[in-house]
Amino acid sequence: MFQPFELAIGLRYTRAKRRNHFISFISLISMLGIALGVTALITVLSVMNGFERELRERILGMTSHATVAAFEGGLEAPQAVAELAGRHPDVLGVAPYVEGEGMARRAGTLSGVLLRGIEPSQEIAVSDVGDHMVSGALTDLEAGAFGLVVGIELARALGLAPGDKVDLMIPQASVTPAGLTPRFRRFTVTGVFEIGMYEYDRSMVYMHIDDAAALYRLGDRVTGLRLKLKDMFAAPRVSREVADLLPGFVYVRDWTQQHANFFRAVRTEKIVMFVILSLIVAVAAFNIVSTLVMVVTDKQADIAILRTLGVSPGSVTMIFIVQGALIGLVGTALGLAGGIGLALNVETLVPALERLLHQDFLAADVYYISDLPSELHGSDVLKIAGLSLVLGLVSTIYPAWRAARVQPAEALRYE
């Protein structure tokens, strides 16, 4: 089988048993260093992709792709506005809502909450909360019944269960013979939901939109409309087009505006982690430089003989480039195998490790997400593999150049 001369000699040098075993050890360390760096890069970026996906889905499952609201005083004629917004072909669902802040009280225990009044029959078209009910259902909320659906963490904090009573106070005062008192109303818990994000499970409560409007004395007005779109990544464009359809003083905001800083921070963190972990691969590539420099020193006599036989300096350069590139290729292949395997199984390995050590790595009351999601992107794998191979190849240039400069007469003088 035909093999280029340089490739054949380079592979022979790689397979040959060296007199200096230290060189073999450094070569092994270089391969393992590259493999470790590639594995770490693939795994960490996959986990960060998973976090970004989970955060986006859970946040948008509770909020909306876009919202329509008035500049002040609440949105009037919400049904007419909803019909106009629903005419856009990219709008899948429209639902009105009333939103505000308040305080929940039961048996002397207080907790701040975010109140949201919804129309249960329309809410399922724009929100996923109905799919995460632990007990009860959103449809159990009826106008005038003053029912309440609470998050599971809030239920645990206040000791609530379906059928229990809880007082809700809002930061608006009522005039009574005793003076100004906070406005409050007693509600009955009809259901409990669990989204998986502590922030929402601990603070969000749902009630019927008519009860919320009565509590806040809005009359026929609502806080705004929530929209669900066919493509959430087209939200900026669709929001502008929907705004053009609506008359009056209203504004439309999409999720990229509401959570722009948060997702921008996630992307920035991903870039920073890529740069930091790439240094592991860079350090391993520097090991290739030291390995090949020692090989060149060890093989000076062989290089001199090859040169006296007519081998050109360029061919000598290619011999050592082949040898170094092989180290980088093997290390990259091992890293790809380890990184892809770990990224695809991290969601099962981490819970098993938590059970083994009896330790929660991601406490629910500290982190947005209490599990460790992973999403492997082919583009990330290609970028990491390309970076590793390029660094491995670049690290061979200087040692190969030194090998090409070996003078046969000087190298063979003491042989």
Protein backbone atom coordinates (compact mmCIF):
# COMPACT_ATOMS: atom_id res chain seq x y z
CA MET A 1 0.00 0.00 0.00
CA PHE A 2 1.39 3.39 -0.99
CA GLN A 3 2.20 5.83 1.81
CA PRO A 4 3.85 9.24 1.50
CA PHE A 5 7.43 9.13 2.74
CA GLU A 6 6.91 11.75 5.44
CA LEU A 7 3.75 10.05 6.76
CA ALA A 8 5.45 6.66 6.92
CA ILE A 9 8.47 7.96 8.89
CA GLY A 10 6.29 10.10 11.16
CA LEU A 11 4.07 7.13 12.06
CA ARG A 12 7.14 4.97 12.58
CA TYR A 13 8.59 7.48 15.04
CA THR A 14 5.25 7.54 16.85
CA ARG A 15 5.04 3.74 17.16
CA ALA A 16 8.72 3.09 17.82
CA LYS A 17 9.95 2.26 21.31
CA ARG A 18 12.00 5.18 22.42
CA ARG A 19 15.15 4.86 24.50
CA ASN A 20 13.92 7.77 26.60
CA HIS A 21 10.68 6.67 28.27
CA PHE A 22 10.18 10.17 29.65
CA ILE A 23 9.33 11.36 26.14
CA SER A 24 6.64 8.67 25.89
CA PHE A 25 5.23 9.79 29.23
CA ILE A 26 5.07 13.44 28.13
CA SER A 27 3.32 12.38 24.90
CA LEU A 28 0.73 10.46 26.92
CA ILE A 29 0.19 13.45 29.21
CA SER A 30 -0.30 15.68 26.15
CA MET A 31 -2.94 13.34 24.72
CA LEU A 32 -4.76 13.10 28.05
CA GLY A 33 -4.59 16.87 28.53
CA ILE A 34 -6.20 17.50 25.15
CA ALA A 35 -8.79 14.80 25.83
CA LEU A 36 -9.62 16.32 29.24
CA GLY A 37 -9.94 19.82 27.80
CA VAL A 38 -12.19 18.70 24.94
CA THR A 39 -14.34 16.62 27.31
CA ALA A 40 -14.71 19.52 29.74
CA LEU A 41 -15.57 21.97 26.95
CA ILE A 42 -18.25 19.77 25.40
CA THR A 43 -19.80 18.87 28.76
CA VAL A 44 -19.85 22.40 30.19
CA LEU A 45 -21.22 24.00 27.02
CA SER A 46 -23.89 21.29 26.76
CA VAL A 47 -24.94 21.91 30.37
CA MET A 48 -25.08 25.67 29.74
CA ASN A 49 -27.17 25.06 26.62
CA GLY A 50 -29.49 22.94 28.74
CA PHE A 51 -29.75 25.65 31.39
CA GLU A 52 -30.55 28.28 28.79
CA ARG A 53 -33.22 26.05 27.20
CA GLU A 54 -34.83 25.18 30.54
CA LEU A 55 -34.81 28.78 31.74
CA ARG A 56 -36.30 29.99 28.48
CA GLU A 57 -39.04 27.34 28.46
CA ARG A 58 -39.93 27.70 32.13
CA ILE A 59 -39.87 31.48 32.16
CA LEU A 60 -41.91 31.72 28.96
CA GLY A 61 -44.22 28.99 30.22
CA MET A 62 -45.12 31.27 33.11
CA THR A 63 -44.93 34.66 31.41
CA SER A 64 -45.61 35.00 27.68
CA HIS A 65 -44.00 35.48 24.31
CA ALA A 66 -45.41 39.01 24.16
CA THR A 67 -47.75 41.27 26.15
CA VAL A 68 -50.11 44.09 25.18
CA ALA A 69 -50.74 46.75 27.83
CA ALA A 70 -51.91 50.33 28.18
CA PHE A 71 -49.54 53.09 29.16
CA GLU A 72 -51.53 53.82 32.33
CA GLY A 73 -54.79 52.97 34.06
CA GLY A 74 -55.24 49.49 32.64
CA LEU A 75 -56.33 48.20 29.24
CA GLU A 76 -59.89 49.06 28.26
CA ALA A 77 -62.08 46.94 25.96
CA PRO A 78 -59.77 43.90 26.22
CA GLN A 79 -62.01 41.67 24.11
CA ALA A 80 -61.88 44.05 21.13
CA VAL A 81 -58.10 44.42 21.45
CA ALA A 82 -57.72 40.64 21.74
CA GLU A 83 -59.67 40.11 18.52
CA LEU A 84 -57.43 42.55 16.65
CA ALA A 85 -54.25 40.98 18.01
CA GLY A 86 -55.51 37.49 17.21
CA ARG A 87 -55.84 38.38 13.52
CA HIS A 88 -52.09 38.25 13.08
CA PRO A 89 -51.22 34.89 11.45
CA ASP A 90 -48.30 34.26 13.83
CA VAL A 91 -50.38 34.68 17.00
CA LEU A 92 -51.58 31.33 18.33
CA GLY A 93 -53.35 32.47 21.49
CA VAL A 94 -54.46 35.58 23.37
CA ALA A 95 -55.50 35.77 27.02
CA PRO A 96 -56.25 38.73 29.32
CA TYR A 97 -54.65 39.05 32.75
CA VAL A 98 -54.65 41.21 35.86
CA GLU A 99 -51.39 41.41 37.75
CA GLY A 100 -50.25 42.90 41.03
CA GLU A 101 -48.35 42.33 44.22
CA GLY A 102 -49.70 41.35 47.59
CA MET A 103 -49.19 39.53 50.86
CA ALA A 104 -50.54 36.09 51.77
CA ARG A 105 -51.35 35.40 55.41
CA ARG A 106 -52.32 32.21 57.21
CA ALA A 107 -52.13 31.42 60.92
CA GLY A 108 -49.86 34.37 61.57
CA THR A 109 -47.41 33.51 58.77
CA LEU A 110 -46.90 36.12 56.05
CA SER A 111 -45.39 35.76 52.60
CA GLY A 112 -45.07 38.17 49.68
CA VAL A 113 -46.77 36.96 46.50
CA LEU A 114 -47.29 37.98 42.88
CA LEU A 115 -51.00 37.89 42.09
CA ARG A 116 -52.21 37.06 38.61
CA GLY A 117 -55.83 37.03 37.58
CA ILE A 118 -56.57 34.82 34.57
CA GLU A 119 -59.44 33.55 32.46
CA PRO A 120 -58.92 29.75 32.90
CA SER A 121 -60.45 28.78 29.55
CA GLN A 122 -58.12 31.16 27.68
CA GLU A 123 -55.01 30.80 29.85
CA ILE A 124 -54.25 27.29 28.54
CA ALA A 125 -53.67 28.85 25.10
CA VAL A 126 -50.77 31.03 26.32
CA SER A 127 -49.37 29.30 29.42
CA ASP A 128 -48.07 25.88 30.45
CA VAL A 129 -49.03 26.15 34.10
CA GLY A 130 -52.10 23.96 33.55
CA ASP A 131 -49.78 21.09 32.58
CA HIS A 132 -47.89 21.32 35.89
CA MET A 133 -50.74 21.00 38.38
CA VAL A 134 -49.95 18.83 41.40
CA SER A 135 -53.56 18.93 42.60
CA GLY A 136 -56.67 20.58 41.25
CA ALA A 137 -56.92 22.35 37.90
CA LEU A 138 -57.00 25.89 36.57
CA THR A 139 -60.59 25.34 35.47
CA ASP A 140 -61.54 25.06 39.17
CA LEU A 141 -61.17 28.85 39.37
CA GLU A 142 -64.66 30.31 39.06
CA ALA A 143 -65.74 33.93 39.03
CA GLY A 144 -67.08 35.05 42.40
CA ALA A 145 -65.88 31.92 44.22
CA PHE A 146 -62.57 33.58 45.18
CA GLY A 147 -60.51 30.47 44.62
CA LEU A 148 -56.73 30.45 44.49
CA VAL A 149 -54.08 28.27 42.83
CA VAL A 150 -50.71 28.49 44.58
CA GLY A 151 -47.16 27.25 43.91
CA ILE A 152 -45.96 24.18 45.77
CA GLU A 153 -43.19 26.00 47.65
CA LEU A 154 -45.66 28.66 48.86
CA ALA A 155 -48.05 25.89 49.91
CA ARG A 156 -45.28 24.29 51.96
CA ALA A 157 -44.24 27.60 53.52
CA LEU A 158 -47.78 28.47 54.64
CA GLY A 159 -48.96 24.90 55.22
CA LEU A 160 -51.65 25.12 52.55
CA ALA A 161 -53.66 22.34 50.94
CA PRO A 162 -56.72 22.37 48.65
CA GLY A 163 -59.70 23.57 50.67
CA ASP A 164 -57.68 25.72 53.09
CA LYS A 165 -58.40 29.40 53.60
CA VAL A 166 -55.78 32.12 53.09
CA ASP A 167 -56.01 35.92 53.38
CA LEU A 168 -54.61 38.08 50.58
CA MET A 169 -53.72 41.71 51.23
CA ILE A 170 -52.80 44.19 48.51
CA PRO A 171 -50.96 47.54 48.83
CA GLN A 172 -54.14 49.58 48.43
CA ALA A 173 -56.05 51.10 51.31
CA SER A 174 -59.74 51.00 52.16
CA VAL A 175 -61.44 53.74 54.14
CA THR A 176 -63.20 52.39 57.25
CA PRO A 177 -64.56 53.99 60.44
CA ALA A 178 -61.29 52.95 62.05
CA GLY A 179 -59.32 54.81 59.38
CA LEU A 180 -57.26 53.54 56.42
CA THR A 181 -56.72 49.79 56.42
CA PRO A 182 -55.03 47.53 53.85
CA ARG A 183 -57.46 45.94 51.45
CA PHE A 184 -57.69 42.17 51.87
CA ARG A 185 -59.90 39.24 50.95
CA ARG A 186 -60.12 35.65 52.11
CA PHE A 187 -59.57 33.06 49.38
CA THR A 188 -59.93 29.28 49.23
CA VAL A 189 -57.07 27.20 47.84
CA THR A 190 -58.37 25.12 44.92
CA GLY A 191 -55.11 23.81 43.44
CA VAL A 192 -51.33 23.58 43.67
CA PHE A 193 -48.84 23.77 40.76
CA GLU A 194 -45.13 22.96 40.45
CA ILE A 195 -43.19 24.57 37.62
CA GLY A 196 -39.73 23.56 38.85
CA MET A 197 -38.42 27.11 39.28
CA TYR A 198 -38.30 28.14 42.91
CA GLU A 199 -38.99 31.79 42.11
CA TYR A 200 -42.40 30.98 40.62
CA ASP A 201 -43.27 28.04 42.86
CA ARG A 202 -42.64 30.23 45.92
CA SER A 203 -44.33 33.49 44.96
CA MET A 204 -46.88 33.08 42.14
CA VAL A 205 -50.62 32.69 42.85
CA TYR A 206 -53.49 32.50 40.34
CA MET A 207 -57.10 33.58 40.72
CA HIS A 208 -60.01 34.19 38.37
CA ILE A 209 -59.64 37.45 36.46
CA ASP A 210 -63.03 38.72 37.67
CA ASP A 211 -61.97 38.20 41.30
CA ALA A 212 -58.67 39.99 40.66
CA ALA A 213 -60.45 42.90 38.96
CA ALA A 214 -62.82 43.17 41.93
CA LEU A 215 -59.90 43.04 44.39
CA TYR A 216 -58.02 45.81 42.56
CA ARG A 217 -61.27 47.67 41.63
CA LEU A 218 -60.45 47.74 37.92
CA GLY A 219 -64.01 47.38 36.68
CA ASP A 220 -63.99 46.17 33.05
CA ARG A 221 -60.30 46.93 32.59
CA VAL A 222 -57.39 44.48 32.76
CA THR A 223 -53.66 44.87 33.16
CA GLY A 224 -53.06 43.60 29.63
CA LEU A 225 -53.13 40.72 27.17
CA ARG A 226 -50.66 37.86 26.90
CA LEU A 227 -49.78 36.48 23.45
CA LYS A 228 -48.42 33.11 22.40
CA LEU A 229 -46.61 33.06 19.03
CA LYS A 230 -45.81 30.35 16.52
CA ASP A 231 -42.11 31.14 16.70
CA MET A 232 -40.91 32.75 19.91
CA PHE A 233 -37.65 33.80 18.22
CA ALA A 234 -39.70 35.93 15.83
CA ALA A 235 -41.24 37.79 18.79
CA PRO A 236 -39.58 41.20 18.07
CA ARG A 237 -40.91 41.29 14.51
CA VAL A 238 -44.36 39.98 15.39
CA SER A 239 -44.66 42.41 18.31
CA ARG A 240 -44.04 45.37 16.02
CA GLU A 241 -46.58 44.10 13.51
CA VAL A 242 -49.20 43.47 16.20
CA ALA A 243 -48.64 46.98 17.60
CA ASP A 244 -49.41 48.39 14.13
CA LEU A 245 -52.77 46.56 14.19
CA LEU A 246 -53.87 48.02 17.52
CA PRO A 247 -55.42 51.47 17.88
CA GLY A 248 -55.05 53.78 20.86
CA PHE A 249 -52.32 54.24 23.41
CA VAL A 250 -51.08 50.69 23.90
CA TYR A 251 -47.64 49.16 23.71
CA VAL A 252 -46.43 45.65 22.94
CA ARG A 253 -43.40 44.11 24.65
CA ASP A 254 -41.86 40.76 23.77
CA TRP A 255 -39.90 38.34 25.93
CA THR A 256 -36.55 39.45 24.49
CA GLN A 257 -37.16 42.89 25.99
CA GLN A 258 -38.50 41.70 29.33
CA HIS A 259 -35.65 39.25 29.95
CA ALA A 260 -32.97 40.68 27.65
CA ASN A 261 -30.33 41.26 30.33
CA PHE A 262 -30.82 37.81 31.79
CA PHE A 263 -30.37 35.87 28.56
CA ARG A 264 -27.56 38.19 27.46
CA ALA A 265 -25.76 37.34 30.70
CA VAL A 266 -26.22 33.61 30.02
CA ARG A 267 -24.72 33.96 26.53
CA THR A 268 -21.81 36.03 27.87
CA GLU A 269 -21.12 33.45 30.54
CA LYS A 270 -21.09 30.71 27.91
CA ILE A 271 -18.50 32.61 25.84
CA VAL A 272 -16.32 33.23 28.91
CA MET A 273 -16.47 29.55 29.91
CA PHE A 274 -15.48 28.53 26.38
CA VAL A 275 -12.43 30.80 26.53
CA ILE A 276 -11.40 29.67 30.01
CA LEU A 277 -11.75 25.96 29.31
CA SER A 278 -9.95 26.35 25.99
CA LEU A 279 -6.85 27.14 28.05
CA ILE A 280 -6.79 23.49 29.13
CA VAL A 281 -6.43 22.46 25.50
CA ALA A 282 -3.83 25.21 24.97
CA VAL A 283 -1.72 23.94 27.88
CA ALA A 284 -1.88 20.41 26.49
CA ALA A 285 -0.79 21.79 23.10
CA PHE A 286 2.26 23.38 24.73
CA ASN A 287 3.10 19.93 26.06
CA ILE A 288 3.22 18.75 22.45
CA VAL A 289 5.83 21.43 21.79
CA SER A 290 8.05 20.19 24.62
CA THR A 291 7.53 16.57 23.55
CA LEU A 292 8.57 17.20 19.97
CA VAL A 293 11.55 19.33 21.00
CA MET A 294 12.82 16.38 23.05
CA VAL A 295 12.12 14.01 20.15
CA VAL A 296 14.08 16.23 17.78
CA THR A 297 17.01 16.26 20.21
CA ASP A 298 16.78 12.48 20.60
CA LYS A 299 16.55 11.89 16.83
CA GLN A 300 19.26 14.27 15.64
CA ALA A 301 21.39 11.40 14.35
CA ASP A 302 18.44 9.94 12.43
CA ILE A 303 17.65 13.34 10.96
CA ALA A 304 21.26 13.80 9.89
CA ILE A 305 21.30 10.40 8.14
CA LEU A 306 18.06 11.20 6.36
CA ARG A 307 19.49 14.52 5.21
CA THR A 308 22.67 12.83 3.87
CA LEU A 309 20.44 10.44 1.93
CA GLY A 310 18.87 13.41 0.18
CA VAL A 311 15.76 14.11 2.24
CA SER A 312 14.85 17.79 1.97
CA PRO A 313 14.32 20.09 5.00
CA GLY A 314 10.64 20.36 4.05
CA SER A 315 10.23 16.58 4.28
CA VAL A 316 11.90 16.55 7.68
CA THR A 317 9.50 19.27 8.79
CA MET A 318 6.52 17.21 7.64
CA ILE A 319 7.76 14.11 9.50
CA PHE A 320 7.54 15.87 12.86
CA ILE A 321 4.33 17.68 11.98
CA VAL A 322 2.79 14.25 11.34
CA GLN A 323 4.02 13.00 14.70
CA GLY A 324 2.64 16.00 16.63
CA ALA A 325 -0.60 16.09 14.69
CA LEU A 326 -1.18 12.43 15.55
CA ILE A 327 -0.92 13.25 19.27
CA GLY A 328 -3.46 16.05 18.82
CA LEU A 329 -5.76 13.84 16.73
CA VAL A 330 -5.79 10.98 19.23
CA GLY A 331 -6.35 13.36 22.14
CA THR A 332 -9.17 15.12 20.31
CA ALA A 333 -10.84 11.80 19.41
CA LEU A 334 -10.70 10.62 23.01
CA GLY A 335 -12.06 13.97 24.21
CA LEU A 336 -14.92 13.89 21.71
CA ALA A 337 -15.89 10.38 22.79
CA GLY A 338 -15.76 11.29 26.48
CA GLY A 339 -17.44 14.68 26.10
CA ILE A 340 -20.32 13.46 23.94
CA GLY A 341 -20.88 10.44 26.18
CA LEU A 342 -20.88 12.57 29.33
CA ALA A 343 -23.07 15.31 27.84
CA LEU A 344 -25.69 12.78 26.77
CA ASN A 345 -25.82 11.10 30.20
CA VAL A 346 -25.18 13.95 32.65
CA GLU A 347 -28.90 14.21 33.47
CA THR A 348 -28.87 10.67 34.86
CA LEU A 349 -25.34 10.66 36.30
CA VAL A 350 -25.77 13.75 38.51
CA PRO A 351 -28.95 12.56 40.31
CA ALA A 352 -27.27 9.19 40.91
CA LEU A 353 -24.23 10.95 42.36
CA GLU A 354 -26.47 13.13 44.58
CA ARG A 355 -28.19 10.02 45.95
CA LEU A 356 -24.84 8.34 46.53
CA LEU A 357 -23.37 11.32 48.41
CA HIS A 358 -26.67 12.40 50.04
CA GLN A 359 -25.99 15.94 48.85
CA ASP A 360 -27.99 18.34 46.66
CA PHE A 361 -25.60 20.06 44.27
CA LEU A 362 -28.25 22.59 43.14
CA ALA A 363 -30.46 23.62 46.05
CA ALA A 364 -33.94 24.66 44.86
CA ASP A 365 -34.05 27.69 47.15
CA VAL A 366 -30.76 29.03 45.76
CA TYR A 367 -30.73 28.23 42.03
CA TYR A 368 -33.34 28.89 39.35
CA ILE A 369 -33.23 25.23 38.32
CA SER A 370 -32.59 22.42 40.80
CA ASP A 371 -31.58 19.75 38.27
CA LEU A 372 -28.74 19.65 35.74
CA PRO A 373 -30.07 19.71 32.16
CA SER A 374 -27.91 19.11 29.11
CA GLU A 375 -28.39 19.87 25.42
CA LEU A 376 -25.66 18.81 22.99
CA HIS A 377 -25.24 21.04 19.93
CA GLY A 378 -23.41 19.70 16.90
CA SER A 379 -22.05 23.14 16.14
CA ASP A 380 -20.35 23.28 19.55
CA VAL A 381 -18.76 19.87 18.98
CA LEU A 382 -17.40 20.96 15.59
CA LYS A 383 -15.99 24.23 16.98
CA ILE A 384 -14.29 22.45 19.89
CA ALA A 385 -12.86 19.71 17.67
CA GLY A 386 -11.58 22.29 15.20
CA LEU A 387 -9.99 24.37 17.96
CA SER A 388 -8.25 21.33 19.42
CA LEU A 389 -6.90 20.13 16.07
CA VAL A 390 -5.69 23.60 15.08
CA LEU A 391 -3.89 24.10 18.40
CA GLY A 392 -2.32 20.66 18.11
CA LEU A 393 -1.16 21.40 14.57
CA VAL A 394 0.19 24.86 15.40
CA SER A 395 2.18 23.43 18.32
CA THR A 396 4.17 21.26 15.90
CA ILE A 397 5.51 24.13 13.78
CA TYR A 398 8.42 25.24 15.97
CA PRO A 399 9.80 21.73 16.77
CA ALA A 400 9.47 20.72 13.10
CA TRP A 401 11.28 23.90 12.04
CA ARG A 402 14.10 23.08 14.48
CA ALA A 403 14.36 19.56 13.05
CA ALA A 404 14.71 20.97 9.53
CA ARG A 405 17.61 23.16 10.67
CA VAL A 406 19.69 20.24 12.00
CA GLN A 407 23.10 20.22 10.26
CA PRO A 408 24.15 16.62 9.34
CA ALA A 409 27.88 17.29 9.93
CA GLU A 410 27.29 18.72 13.41
CA ALA A 411 24.86 15.98 14.40
CA LEU A 412 27.14 13.12 13.28
CA ARG A 413 30.43 14.58 14.58
CA TYR A 414 30.40 12.56 17.84
CA GLU A 415 28.50 9.52 16.57
